[in-house]
PDB file of N, CA and C in Angstrom:
ATOM      1  N   GLU A   1      -2.901 -65.393-217.391  1.00  0.00           N
ATOM      2  CA  GLU A   1      -1.328 -65.502-217.742  1.00  0.00           C
ATOM      3  C   GLU A   1      -0.185 -64.164-217.519  1.00  0.00           C
ATOM      4  N   LEU A   2       0.194 -64.128-216.608  1.00  0.00           N
ATOM      5  CA  LEU A   2       1.081 -62.890-216.655  1.00  0.00           C
ATOM      6  C   LEU A   2       2.406 -63.352-217.024  1.00  0.00           C
ATOM      7  N   VAL A   3       3.039 -62.187-217.759  1.00  0.00           N
ATOM      8  CA  VAL A   3       4.242 -62.448-217.895  1.00  0.00           C
ATOM      9  C   VAL A   3       4.607 -61.460-217.477  1.00  0.00           C
ATOM     10  N   THR A   4       6.364 -61.187-216.670  1.00  0.00           N
ATOM     11  CA  THR A   4       6.282 -60.436-215.779  1.00  0.00           C
ATOM     12  C   THR A   4       8.007 -60.825-215.597  1.00  0.00           C
ATOM     13  N   ASP A   5       8.525 -59.924-215.548  1.00  0.00           N
ATOM     14  CA  ASP A   5       9.971 -60.293-215.671  1.00  0.00           C
ATOM     15  C   ASP A   5      10.132 -59.489-213.944  1.00  0.00           C
ATOM     16  N   ASP A   6       9.147 -60.186-213.305  1.00  0.00           N
ATOM     17  CA  ASP A   6       9.442 -60.187-211.545  1.00  0.00           C
ATOM     18  C   ASP A   6       8.689 -61.105-210.744  1.00  0.00           C
ATOM     19  N   VAL A   7       8.985 -61.870-211.264  1.00  0.00           N
ATOM     20  CA  VAL A   7       8.265 -63.274-210.315  1.00  0.00           C
ATOM     21  C   VAL A   7       7.737 -62.897-208.707  1.00  0.00           C
ATOM     22  N   GLU A   8       8.826 -63.058-208.406  1.00  0.00           N
ATOM     23  CA  GLU A   8       8.504 -63.189-206.503  1.00  0.00           C
ATOM     24  C   GLU A   8       7.050 -62.009-206.198  1.00  0.00           C
ATOM     25  N   SER A   9       7.973 -60.546-206.804  1.00  0.00           N
ATOM     26  CA  SER A   9       6.627 -60.183-206.070  1.00  0.00           C
ATOM     27  C   SER A   9       5.568 -59.992-207.179  1.00  0.00           C
ATOM     28  N   CYS A  10       5.488 -60.058-208.286  1.00  0.00           N
ATOM     29  CA  CYS A  10       4.126 -60.517-208.471  1.00  0.00           C
ATOM     30  C   CYS A  10       3.805 -61.695-207.386  1.00  0.00           C
ATOM     31  N   ARG A  11       4.261 -63.172-207.309  1.00  0.00           N
ATOM     32  CA  ARG A  11       3.484 -63.899-206.185  1.00  0.00           C
ATOM     33  C   ARG A  11       2.846 -63.488-205.698  1.00  0.00           C
ATOM     34  N   LYS A  12       3.715 -62.890-205.284  1.00  0.00           N
ATOM     35  CA  LYS A  12       3.099 -62.328-203.535  1.00  0.00           C
ATOM     36  C   LYS A  12       2.169 -61.348-203.338  1.00  0.00           C
ATOM     37  N   PHE A  13       1.628 -60.468-204.382  1.00  0.00           N
ATOM     38  CA  PHE A  13       1.458 -59.532-204.400  1.00  0.00           C
ATOM     39  C   PHE A  13      -0.012 -60.466-204.897  1.00  0.00           C
ATOM     40  N   TYR A  14      -0.274 -61.484-205.761  1.00  0.00           N
ATOM     41  CA  TYR A  14      -1.782 -61.662-206.063  1.00  0.00           C
ATOM     42  C   TYR A  14      -2.093 -62.826-205.447  1.00  0.00           C
ATOM     43  N   THR A  15      -1.314 -63.875-204.908  1.00  0.00           N
ATOM     44  CA  THR A  15      -2.098 -64.180-203.468  1.00  0.00           C
ATOM     45  C   THR A  15      -2.664 -63.425-202.793  1.00  0.00           C
ATOM     46  N   GLU A  16      -1.525 -62.838-201.757  1.00  0.00           N
ATOM     47  CA  GLU A  16      -2.103 -61.338-201.071  1.00  0.00           C
ATOM     48  C   GLU A  16      -3.066 -61.284-201.433  1.00  0.00           C
ATOM     49  N   LEU A  17      -3.498 -60.870-202.350  1.00  0.00           N
ATOM     50  CA  LEU A  17      -4.414 -59.770-202.859  1.00  0.00           C
ATOM     51  C   LEU A  17      -6.104 -60.383-203.227  1.00  0.00           C
ATOM     52  N   PHE A  18      -5.375 -61.893-203.741  1.00  0.00           N
ATOM     53  CA  PHE A  18      -6.926 -62.656-204.316  1.00  0.00           C
ATOM     54  C   PHE A  18      -7.037 -63.903-203.219  1.00  0.00           C
ATOM     55  N   GLY A  19      -6.001 -64.372-202.355  1.00  0.00           N
ATOM     56  CA  GLY A  19      -6.187 -65.897-201.603  1.00  0.00           C
ATOM     57  C   GLY A  19      -5.387 -66.074-202.254  1.00  0.00           C
ATOM     58  N   TRP A  20      -5.070 -66.089-203.651  1.00  0.00           N
ATOM     59  CA  TRP A  20      -4.793 -67.515-204.895  1.00  0.00           C
ATOM     60  C   TRP A  20      -3.705 -68.449-203.476  1.00  0.00           C
ATOM     61  N   THR A  21      -3.291 -69.462-204.302  1.00  0.00           N
ATOM     62  CA  THR A  21      -2.207 -69.829-204.017  1.00  0.00           C
ATOM     63  C   THR A  21      -1.137 -70.198-205.289  1.00  0.00           C
ATOM     64  N   SER A  22       0.053 -70.423-205.022  1.00  0.00           N
ATOM     65  CA  SER A  22       0.922 -70.634-206.260  1.00  0.00           C
ATOM     66  C   SER A  22       1.986 -71.293-206.094  1.00  0.00           C
ATOM     67  N   ARG A  23       1.569 -72.768-207.468  1.00  0.00           N
ATOM     68  CA  ARG A  23       2.282 -74.150-206.864  1.00  0.00           C
ATOM     69  C   ARG A  23       3.282 -72.992-208.922  1.00  0.00           C
ATOM     70  N   ASP A  24       5.067 -74.087-208.444  1.00  0.00           N
ATOM     71  CA  ASP A  24       5.713 -73.608-209.225  1.00  0.00           C
ATOM     72  C   ASP A  24       5.921 -75.200-210.423  1.00  0.00           C
ATOM     73  N   SER A  25       6.261 -75.271-210.797  1.00  0.00           N
ATOM     74  CA  SER A  25       6.173 -76.516-212.144  1.00  0.00           C
ATOM     75  C   SER A  25       7.575 -76.585-213.315  1.00  0.00           C
ATOM     76  N   ASP A  26       7.999 -77.256-213.049  1.00  0.00           N
ATOM     77  CA  ASP A  26       9.334 -77.130-214.348  1.00  0.00           C
ATOM     78  C   ASP A  26       8.869 -77.460-215.614  1.00  0.00           C
ATOM     79  N   MET A  27       8.606 -76.327-216.485  1.00  0.00           N
ATOM     80  CA  MET A  27       8.372 -76.670-218.206  1.00  0.00           C
ATOM     81  C   MET A  27       9.579 -77.064-218.532  1.00  0.00           C
ATOM     82  N   GLY A  28      10.523 -77.375-218.237  1.00  0.00           N
ATOM     83  CA  GLY A  28      11.650 -78.141-218.937  1.00  0.00           C
ATOM     84  C   GLY A  28      12.980 -77.177-219.379  1.00  0.00           C
ATOM     85  N   ASN A  29      12.482 -75.530-220.225  1.00  0.00           N
ATOM     86  CA  ASN A  29      13.178 -74.820-220.491  1.00  0.00           C
ATOM     87  C   ASN A  29      13.119 -73.751-219.737  1.00  0.00           C
ATOM     88  N   MET A  30      11.411 -74.062-218.692  1.00  0.00           N
ATOM     89  CA  MET A  30      11.645 -72.409-218.091  1.00  0.00           C
ATOM     90  C   MET A  30      10.624 -72.649-216.659  1.00  0.00           C
ATOM     91  N   ALA A  31      10.415 -72.501-216.172  1.00  0.00           N
ATOM     92  CA  ALA A  31       9.336 -72.878-214.886  1.00  0.00           C
ATOM     93  C   ALA A  31       8.123 -71.929-214.862  1.00  0.00           C
ATOM     94  N   TYR A  32       7.282 -72.163-214.509  1.00  0.00           N
ATOM     95  CA  TYR A  32       5.750 -71.939-214.721  1.00  0.00           C
ATOM     96  C   TYR A  32       5.506 -72.166-213.466  1.00  0.00           C
ATOM     97  N   THR A  33       4.398 -71.042-213.044  1.00  0.00           N
ATOM     98  CA  THR A  33       3.946 -71.317-211.885  1.00  0.00           C
ATOM     99  C   THR A  33       1.936 -71.235-212.580  1.00  0.00           C
ATOM    100  N   VAL A  34       1.429 -72.083-211.213  1.00  0.00           N
ATOM    101  CA  VAL A  34      -0.036 -71.964-211.609  1.00  0.00           C
ATOM    102  C   VAL A  34      -1.049 -71.132-210.255  1.00  0.00           C
ATOM    103  N   PHE A  35      -1.239 -70.492-210.164  1.00  0.00           N
ATOM    104  CA  PHE A  35      -2.210 -69.525-209.516  1.00  0.00           C
ATOM    105  C   PHE A  35      -3.745 -70.941-209.299  1.00  0.00           C
ATOM    106  N   LYS A  36      -3.405 -71.391-208.235  1.00  0.00           N
ATOM    107  CA  LYS A  36      -5.140 -72.015-207.480  1.00  0.00           C
ATOM    108  C   LYS A  36      -5.642 -70.657-206.649  1.00  0.00           C
ATOM    109  N   TYR A  37      -7.314 -70.960-206.617  1.00  0.00           N
ATOM    110  CA  TYR A  37      -7.989 -70.130-206.097  1.00  0.00           C
ATOM    111  C   TYR A  37      -9.209 -71.697-205.531  1.00  0.00           C
ATOM    112  N   GLY A  38      -8.167 -72.009-204.043  1.00  0.00           N
ATOM    113  CA  GLY A  38      -8.685 -73.057-203.605  1.00  0.00           C
ATOM    114  C   GLY A  38      -8.751 -74.795-204.624  1.00  0.00           C
ATOM    115  N   GLU A  39      -9.152 -75.374-205.145  1.00  0.00           N
ATOM    116  CA  GLU A  39      -8.971 -76.194-206.155  1.00  0.00           C
ATOM    117  C   GLU A  39      -9.258 -76.295-207.289  1.00  0.00           C
ATOM    118  N   THR A  40      -9.236 -74.812-208.212  1.00  0.00           N
ATOM    119  CA  THR A  40      -9.647 -73.880-209.144  1.00  0.00           C
ATOM    120  C   THR A  40      -8.580 -73.154-209.569  1.00  0.00           C
ATOM    121  N   MET A  41      -8.342 -73.903-211.316  1.00  0.00           N
ATOM    122  CA  MET A  41      -7.135 -72.940-211.577  1.00  0.00           C
ATOM    123  C   MET A  41      -7.146 -71.434-212.035  1.00  0.00           C
ATOM    124  N   VAL A  42      -6.789 -70.192-211.695  1.00  0.00           N
ATOM    125  CA  VAL A  42      -7.409 -69.545-212.126  1.00  0.00           C
ATOM    126  C   VAL A  42      -6.290 -69.040-212.992  1.00  0.00           C
ATOM    127  N   GLY A  43      -5.173 -69.146-213.094  1.00  0.00           N
ATOM    128  CA  GLY A  43      -4.293 -68.601-213.645  1.00  0.00           C
ATOM    129  C   GLY A  43      -2.796 -69.019-214.061  1.00  0.00           C
ATOM    130  N   GLY A  44      -2.095 -68.465-214.351  1.00  0.00           N
ATOM    131  CA  GLY A  44      -0.630 -69.469-214.651  1.00  0.00           C
ATOM    132  C   GLY A  44       0.805 -67.402-214.883  1.00  0.00           C
ATOM    133  N   MET A  45       2.043 -68.363-214.476  1.00  0.00           N
ATOM    134  CA  MET A  45       2.655 -66.765-214.524  1.00  0.00           C
ATOM    135  C   MET A  45       4.072 -67.149-214.955  1.00  0.00           C
ATOM    136  N   MET A  46       4.745 -66.415-215.812  1.00  0.00           N
ATOM    137  CA  MET A  46       5.980 -66.789-216.462  1.00  0.00           C
ATOM    138  C   MET A  46       7.110 -65.555-216.426  1.00  0.00           C
ATOM    139  N   LYS A  47       8.415 -66.047-216.646  1.00  0.00           N
ATOM    140  CA  LYS A  47       8.951 -64.961-216.442  1.00  0.00           C
ATOM    141  C   LYS A  47       9.523 -64.839-217.745  1.00  0.00           C
ATOM    142  N   ILE A  48       9.703 -62.872-218.075  1.00  0.00           N
ATOM    143  CA  ILE A  48       9.875 -63.028-219.354  1.00  0.00           C
ATOM    144  C   ILE A  48      11.148 -63.780-219.928  1.00  0.00           C
ATOM    145  N   THR A  49      11.454 -63.881-220.935  1.00  0.00           N
ATOM    146  CA  THR A  49      12.445 -64.367-221.489  1.00  0.00           C
ATOM    147  C   THR A  49      12.948 -63.170-222.452  1.00  0.00           C
ATOM    148  N   LYS A  50      14.375 -63.802-223.009  1.00  0.00           N
ATOM    149  CA  LYS A  50      15.084 -63.125-224.035  1.00  0.00           C
ATOM    150  C   LYS A  50      14.591 -63.391-225.046  1.00  0.00           C
ATOM    151  N   GLU A  51      13.946 -64.708-226.243  1.00  0.00           N
ATOM    152  CA  GLU A  51      13.308 -65.065-227.038  1.00  0.00           C
ATOM    153  C   GLU A  51      11.669 -63.651-227.105  1.00  0.00           C
ATOM    154  N   MET A  52      11.567 -63.967-225.596  1.00  0.00           N
ATOM    155  CA  MET A  52      10.241 -62.216-225.923  1.00  0.00           C
ATOM    156  C   MET A  52      10.433 -61.385-226.238  1.00  0.00           C
ATOM    157  N   GLY A  53      12.058 -60.549-226.555  1.00  0.00           N
ATOM    158  CA  GLY A  53      12.135 -59.396-226.246  1.00  0.00           C
ATOM    159  C   GLY A  53      12.044 -58.230-225.585  1.00  0.00           C
ATOM    160  N   ASN A  54      11.596 -57.034-226.382  1.00  0.00           N
ATOM    161  CA  ASN A  54      11.347 -55.934-225.620  1.00  0.00           C
ATOM    162  C   ASN A  54      10.118 -55.712-225.019  1.00  0.00           C
ATOM    163  N   VAL A  55       9.453 -57.287-224.626  1.00  0.00           N
ATOM    164  CA  VAL A  55       7.719 -56.852-224.595  1.00  0.00           C
ATOM    165  C   VAL A  55       7.288 -57.010-222.476  1.00  0.00           C
ATOM    166  N   PRO A  56       6.805 -55.795-222.765  1.00  0.00           N
ATOM    167  CA  PRO A  56       6.298 -55.095-221.399  1.00  0.00           C
ATOM    168  C   PRO A  56       5.541 -56.342-220.634  1.00  0.00           C
ATOM    169  N   PRO A  57       5.962 -56.440-219.042  1.00  0.00           N
ATOM    170  CA  PRO A  57       4.846 -57.098-218.489  1.00  0.00           C
ATOM    171  C   PRO A  57       3.385 -57.016-219.054  1.00  0.00           C
ATOM    172  N   HIS A  58       2.640 -57.690-218.503  1.00  0.00           N
ATOM    173  CA  HIS A  58       1.447 -58.061-219.197  1.00  0.00           C
ATOM    174  C   HIS A  58       0.371 -59.164-218.864  1.00  0.00           C
ATOM    175  N   TRP A  59      -0.620 -59.271-218.763  1.00  0.00           N
ATOM    176  CA  TRP A  59      -1.959 -60.127-218.713  1.00  0.00           C
ATOM    177  C   TRP A  59      -1.607 -60.427-220.239  1.00  0.00           C
ATOM    178  N   LEU A  60      -1.816 -61.829-220.211  1.00  0.00           N
ATOM    179  CA  LEU A  60      -2.645 -62.240-221.988  1.00  0.00           C
ATOM    180  C   LEU A  60      -3.414 -63.364-221.764  1.00  0.00           C
ATOM    181  N   ALA A  61      -4.457 -63.033-222.149  1.00  0.00           N
ATOM    182  CA  ALA A  61      -5.930 -63.458-222.148  1.00  0.00           C
ATOM    183  C   ALA A  61      -6.068 -64.968-223.150  1.00  0.00           C
ATOM    184  N   TYR A  62      -7.001 -65.934-222.609  1.00  0.00           N
ATOM    185  CA  TYR A  62      -7.216 -67.684-223.030  1.00  0.00           C
ATOM    186  C   TYR A  62      -8.102 -67.532-223.431  1.00  0.00           C
ATOM    187  N   ILE A  63      -8.886 -67.716-224.645  1.00  0.00           N
ATOM    188  CA  ILE A  63     -10.257 -68.757-224.484  1.00  0.00           C
ATOM    189  C   ILE A  63     -10.055 -69.308-225.692  1.00  0.00           C
ATOM    190  N   ALA A  64     -11.290 -70.867-224.573  1.00  0.00           N
ATOM    191  CA  ALA A  64     -10.836 -71.946-224.831  1.00  0.00           C
ATOM    192  C   ALA A  64     -12.074 -72.758-226.090  1.00  0.00           C
ATOM    193  N   VAL A  65     -10.792 -73.159-227.145  1.00  0.00           N
ATOM    194  CA  VAL A  65     -11.671 -73.309-228.278  1.00  0.00           C
ATOM    195  C   VAL A  65     -11.745 -74.874-228.687  1.00  0.00           C
ATOM    196  N   GLU A  66     -12.639 -75.692-229.218  1.00  0.00           N
ATOM    197  CA  GLU A  66     -12.386 -76.587-229.834  1.00  0.00           C
ATOM    198  C   GLU A  66     -11.201 -77.000-230.584  1.00  0.00           C
ATOM    199  N   ASP A  67     -11.239 -77.052-231.742  1.00  0.00           N
ATOM    200  CA  ASP A  67      -9.933 -77.406-232.910  1.00  0.00           C
ATOM    201  C   ASP A  67      -9.026 -75.978-232.981  1.00  0.00           C
ATOM    202  N   ILE A  68      -8.259 -75.520-232.436  1.00  0.00           N
ATOM    203  CA  ILE A  68      -7.322 -74.854-232.060  1.00  0.00           C
ATOM    204  C   ILE A  68      -6.058 -74.773-233.304  1.00  0.00           C
ATOM    205  N   ASP A  69      -6.206 -75.095-234.530  1.00  0.00           N
ATOM    206  CA  ASP A  69      -5.130 -75.602-235.378  1.00  0.00           C
ATOM    207  C   ASP A  69      -6.225 -74.871-236.325  1.00  0.00           C
ATOM    208  N   ALA A  70      -7.558 -74.825-236.484  1.00  0.00           N
ATOM    209  CA  ALA A  70      -8.850 -74.886-237.366  1.00  0.00           C
ATOM    210  C   ALA A  70      -9.102 -73.149-237.465  1.00  0.00           C
ATOM    211  N   ARG A  71      -9.229 -73.199-235.589  1.00  0.00           N
ATOM    212  CA  ARG A  71      -9.206 -71.836-235.396  1.00  0.00           C
ATOM    213  C   ARG A  71      -8.469 -70.478-235.309  1.00  0.00           C
ATOM    214  N   THR A  72      -6.860 -70.887-235.497  1.00  0.00           N
ATOM    215  CA  THR A  72      -5.907 -70.359-235.879  1.00  0.00           C
ATOM    216  C   THR A  72      -6.116 -70.044-236.776  1.00  0.00           C
ATOM    217  N   ASN A  73      -5.950 -70.761-238.162  1.00  0.00           N
ATOM    218  CA  ASN A  73      -6.327 -70.963-239.410  1.00  0.00           C
ATOM    219  C   ASN A  73      -6.912 -69.539-239.392  1.00  0.00           C
ATOM    220  N   LYS A  74      -8.280 -70.331-239.013  1.00  0.00           N
ATOM    221  CA  LYS A  74      -8.958 -69.005-240.077  1.00  0.00           C
ATOM    222  C   LYS A  74      -9.093 -67.605-239.149  1.00  0.00           C
ATOM    223  N   ALA A  75      -8.607 -67.392-238.202  1.00  0.00           N
ATOM    224  CA  ALA A  75      -8.078 -66.186-237.485  1.00  0.00           C
ATOM    225  C   ALA A  75      -6.952 -65.906-238.505  1.00  0.00           C
ATOM    226  N   LYS A  76      -5.566 -66.426-239.271  1.00  0.00           N
ATOM    227  CA  LYS A  76      -5.173 -65.686-240.678  1.00  0.00           C
ATOM    228  C   LYS A  76      -6.019 -64.780-241.754  1.00  0.00           C
ATOM    229  N   GLU A  77      -6.948 -66.550-241.589  1.00  0.00           N
ATOM    230  CA  GLU A  77      -7.668 -65.727-242.845  1.00  0.00           C
ATOM    231  C   GLU A  77      -8.729 -64.380-243.017  1.00  0.00           C
ATOM    232  N   LEU A  78      -9.050 -64.115-241.340  1.00  0.00           N
ATOM    233  CA  LEU A  78      -9.515 -62.665-241.564  1.00  0.00           C
ATOM    234  C   LEU A  78      -8.362 -62.234-241.205  1.00  0.00           C
ATOM    235  N   GLY A  79      -6.789 -61.980-241.197  1.00  0.00           N
ATOM    236  CA  GLY A  79      -6.447 -60.914-241.139  1.00  0.00           C
ATOM    237  C   GLY A  79      -5.375 -60.942-239.711  1.00  0.00           C
ATOM    238  N   ALA A  80      -5.460 -61.738-239.022  1.00  0.00           N
ATOM    239  CA  ALA A  80      -4.587 -61.447-237.768  1.00  0.00           C
ATOM    240  C   ALA A  80      -2.802 -61.740-237.725  1.00  0.00           C
ATOM    241  N   ASP A  81      -2.063 -61.767-237.019  1.00  0.00           N
ATOM    242  CA  ASP A  81      -0.596 -61.846-236.659  1.00  0.00           C
ATOM    243  C   ASP A  81      -1.023 -63.281-236.218  1.00  0.00           C
ATOM    244  N   ILE A  82       0.127 -64.367-236.481  1.00  0.00           N
ATOM    245  CA  ILE A  82      -0.113 -65.689-235.835  1.00  0.00           C
ATOM    246  C   ILE A  82       1.155 -65.227-234.896  1.00  0.00           C
ATOM    247  N   ILE A  83       1.032 -64.450-233.907  1.00  0.00           N
ATOM    248  CA  ILE A  83       2.875 -64.457-232.913  1.00  0.00           C
ATOM    249  C   ILE A  83       2.903 -65.522-232.389  1.00  0.00           C
ATOM    250  N   VAL A  84       2.824 -66.857-231.949  1.00  0.00           N
ATOM    251  CA  VAL A  84       2.510 -68.455-231.621  1.00  0.00           C
ATOM    252  C   VAL A  84       1.435 -69.068-232.280  1.00  0.00           C
ATOM    253  N   PRO A  85       2.403 -69.843-233.808  1.00  0.00           N
ATOM    254  CA  PRO A  85       1.636 -70.874-234.065  1.00  0.00           C
ATOM    255  C   PRO A  85       1.015 -71.926-232.874  1.00  0.00           C
ATOM    256  N   PRO A  86       0.006 -72.588-233.602  1.00  0.00           N
ATOM    257  CA  PRO A  86      -0.289 -73.706-232.456  1.00  0.00           C
ATOM    258  C   PRO A  86       0.772 -74.700-232.059  1.00  0.00           C
ATOM    259  N   THR A  87       1.353 -74.428-230.668  1.00  0.00           N
ATOM    260  CA  THR A  87       2.156 -75.538-229.870  1.00  0.00           C
ATOM    261  C   THR A  87       1.589 -75.837-228.764  1.00  0.00           C
ATOM    262  N   ASP A  88       2.023 -77.449-228.479  1.00  0.00           N
ATOM    263  CA  ASP A  88       1.836 -78.500-227.423  1.00  0.00           C
ATOM    264  C   ASP A  88       2.235 -78.237-226.594  1.00  0.00           C
ATOM    265  N   ILE A  89       2.112 -78.352-225.689  1.00  0.00           N
ATOM    266  CA  ILE A  89       1.655 -78.154-223.971  1.00  0.00           C
ATOM    267  C   ILE A  89       2.116 -79.223-223.035  1.00  0.00           C
ATOM    268  N   PRO A  90       2.661 -80.323-223.414  1.00  0.00           N
ATOM    269  CA  PRO A  90       2.273 -81.917-222.793  1.00  0.00           C
ATOM    270  C   PRO A  90       1.496 -81.596-221.632  1.00  0.00           C
ATOM    271  N   THR A  91       0.635 -82.560-221.820  1.00  0.00           N
ATOM    272  CA  THR A  91      -0.322 -83.279-220.690  1.00  0.00           C
ATOM    273  C   THR A  91      -1.202 -81.907-220.279  1.00  0.00           C
ATOM    274  N   VAL A  92      -1.370 -80.786-221.346  1.00  0.00           N
ATOM    275  CA  VAL A  92      -2.150 -79.497-220.634  1.00  0.00           C
ATOM    276  C   VAL A  92      -2.846 -79.379-222.100  1.00  0.00           C
ATOM    277  N   GLY A  93      -2.904 -79.477-223.202  1.00  0.00           N
ATOM    278  CA  GLY A  93      -3.004 -79.150-224.559  1.00  0.00           C
ATOM    279  C   GLY A  93      -2.135 -78.593-226.339  1.00  0.00           C
ATOM    280  N   ARG A  94      -3.295 -77.436-226.587  1.00  0.00           N
ATOM    281  CA  ARG A  94      -2.123 -76.938-227.508  1.00  0.00           C
ATOM    282  C   ARG A  94      -2.796 -75.628-227.698  1.00  0.00           C
ATOM    283  N   PHE A  95      -1.823 -74.571-227.911  1.00  0.00           N
ATOM    284  CA  PHE A  95      -2.052 -73.071-227.750  1.00  0.00           C
ATOM    285  C   PHE A  95      -1.401 -72.628-228.939  1.00  0.00           C
ATOM    286  N   SER A  96      -2.237 -71.131-228.970  1.00  0.00           N
ATOM    287  CA  SER A  96      -1.580 -70.584-230.092  1.00  0.00           C
ATOM    288  C   SER A  96      -1.710 -69.203-229.430  1.00  0.00           C
ATOM    289  N   VAL A  97      -1.536 -67.788-230.026  1.00  0.00           N
ATOM    290  CA  VAL A  97      -0.990 -66.262-229.485  1.00  0.00           C
ATOM    291  C   VAL A  97      -1.344 -65.672-231.053  1.00  0.00           C
ATOM    292  N   ILE A  98      -2.335 -64.769-231.202  1.00  0.00           N
ATOM    293  CA  ILE A  98      -2.726 -64.206-232.670  1.00  0.00           C
ATOM    294  C   ILE A  98      -2.489 -62.860-231.755  1.00  0.00           C
ATOM    295  N   CYS A  99      -2.475 -62.034-232.783  1.00  0.00           N
ATOM    296  CA  CYS A  99      -2.375 -60.281-232.792  1.00  0.00           C
ATOM    297  C   CYS A  99      -3.538 -60.315-233.363  1.00  0.00           C
ATOM    298  N   ASP A 100      -4.553 -59.381-233.478  1.00  0.00           N
ATOM    299  CA  ASP A 100      -6.110 -59.147-234.185  1.00  0.00           C
ATOM    300  C   ASP A 100      -5.759 -58.345-234.841  1.00  0.00           C
ATOM    301  N   PRO A 101      -6.692 -57.801-235.707  1.00  0.00           N
ATOM    302  CA  PRO A 101      -6.301 -56.853-236.908  1.00  0.00           C
ATOM    303  C   PRO A 101      -6.701 -55.429-236.131  1.00  0.00           C
ATOM    304  N   GLY A 102      -6.744 -55.080-234.863  1.00  0.00           N
ATOM    305  CA  GLY A 102      -6.459 -53.937-234.387  1.00  0.00           C
ATOM    306  C   GLY A 102      -5.556 -53.412-233.545  1.00  0.00           C
ATOM    307  N   GLY A 103      -4.307 -55.047-233.868  1.00  0.00           N
ATOM    308  CA  GLY A 103      -3.375 -54.862-232.242  1.00  0.00           C
ATOM    309  C   GLY A 103      -3.536 -55.742-231.372  1.00  0.00           C
ATOM    310  N   ALA A 104      -4.208 -56.349-230.821  1.00  0.00           N
ATOM    311  CA  ALA A 104      -4.452 -57.018-229.832  1.00  0.00           C
ATOM    312  C   ALA A 104      -4.353 -58.588-229.262  1.00  0.00           C
ATOM    313  N   ALA A 105      -3.170 -58.678-228.629  1.00  0.00           N
ATOM    314  CA  ALA A 105      -3.176 -60.110-228.570  1.00  0.00           C
ATOM    315  C   ALA A 105      -4.105 -60.595-227.986  1.00  0.00           C
ATOM    316  N   VAL A 106      -4.119 -62.152-227.977  1.00  0.00           N
ATOM    317  CA  VAL A 106      -4.961 -62.723-226.952  1.00  0.00           C
ATOM    318  C   VAL A 106      -4.673 -64.297-227.654  1.00  0.00           C
ATOM    319  N   ALA A 107      -4.619 -65.592-226.489  1.00  0.00           N
ATOM    320  CA  ALA A 107      -4.444 -66.414-226.477  1.00  0.00           C
ATOM    321  C   ALA A 107      -5.180 -67.818-227.117  1.00  0.00           C
ATOM    322  N   MET A 108      -5.395 -68.366-227.716  1.00  0.00           N
ATOM    323  CA  MET A 108      -6.485 -69.562-227.856  1.00  0.00           C
ATOM    324  C   MET A 108      -5.814 -70.802-227.613  1.00  0.00           C
ATOM    325  N   ILE A 109      -6.868 -71.612-226.645  1.00  0.00           N
ATOM    326  CA  ILE A 109      -6.523 -72.850-226.461  1.00  0.00           C
ATOM    327  C   ILE A 109      -6.694 -74.036-226.302  1.00  0.00           C
ATOM    328  N   THR A 110      -6.750 -75.069-226.425  1.00  0.00           N
ATOM    329  CA  THR A 110      -7.127 -76.541-227.009  1.00  0.00           C
ATOM    330  C   THR A 110      -6.995 -77.634-225.607  1.00  0.00           C
ATOM    331  N   LEU A 111      -7.641 -77.527-224.459  1.00  0.00           N
ATOM    332  CA  LEU A 111      -6.904 -78.337-223.664  1.00  0.00           C
ATOM    333  C   LEU A 111      -6.948 -79.545-223.997  1.00  0.00           C
ATOM    334  N   VAL A 112      -6.522 -80.595-223.025  1.00  0.00           N
ATOM    335  CA  VAL A 112      -6.509 -82.112-223.390  1.00  0.00           C
ATOM    336  C   VAL A 112      -7.653 -82.577-222.428  1.00  0.00           C
ATOM    337  N   GLU A 113      -8.283 -83.214-223.085  1.00  0.00           N
ATOM    338  CA  GLU A 113      -9.764 -84.007-222.188  1.00  0.00           C
ATOM    339  C   GLU A 113      -8.853 -84.702-221.103  1.00  0.00           C
ATOM    340  N   ASP A 114      -9.780 -84.185-219.875  1.00  0.00           N
ATOM    341  CA  ASP A 114      -9.865 -84.856-218.585  1.00  0.00           C
ATOM    342  C   ASP A 114      -9.284 -87.021-218.368  1.00  0.00           C
TER     343      ASP A 114
END
């Protein structure tokens, strides 16, 4: 997932670089772009929000897990900082963002069954 302050330039860059298509979705409080290669979803993009503070533009990797709540709790037990607690994304799934003991951020997600 790409978090950026320049959505349009990044959309143009990645669609032309990789031959992706993009589709915007209204997520209520923000717009979200889904990138696809053919019919396969390959990424997403959103604009940096005020709530994110001084976060620089970045890509955030997602790891699919079977139980987001259990994995997030385990990460905390092992020394991770919880940046975003387990949160529902309607029709998509449930995700969290953690920072490992070394300071690297990663997201985990449990997707809704199709």
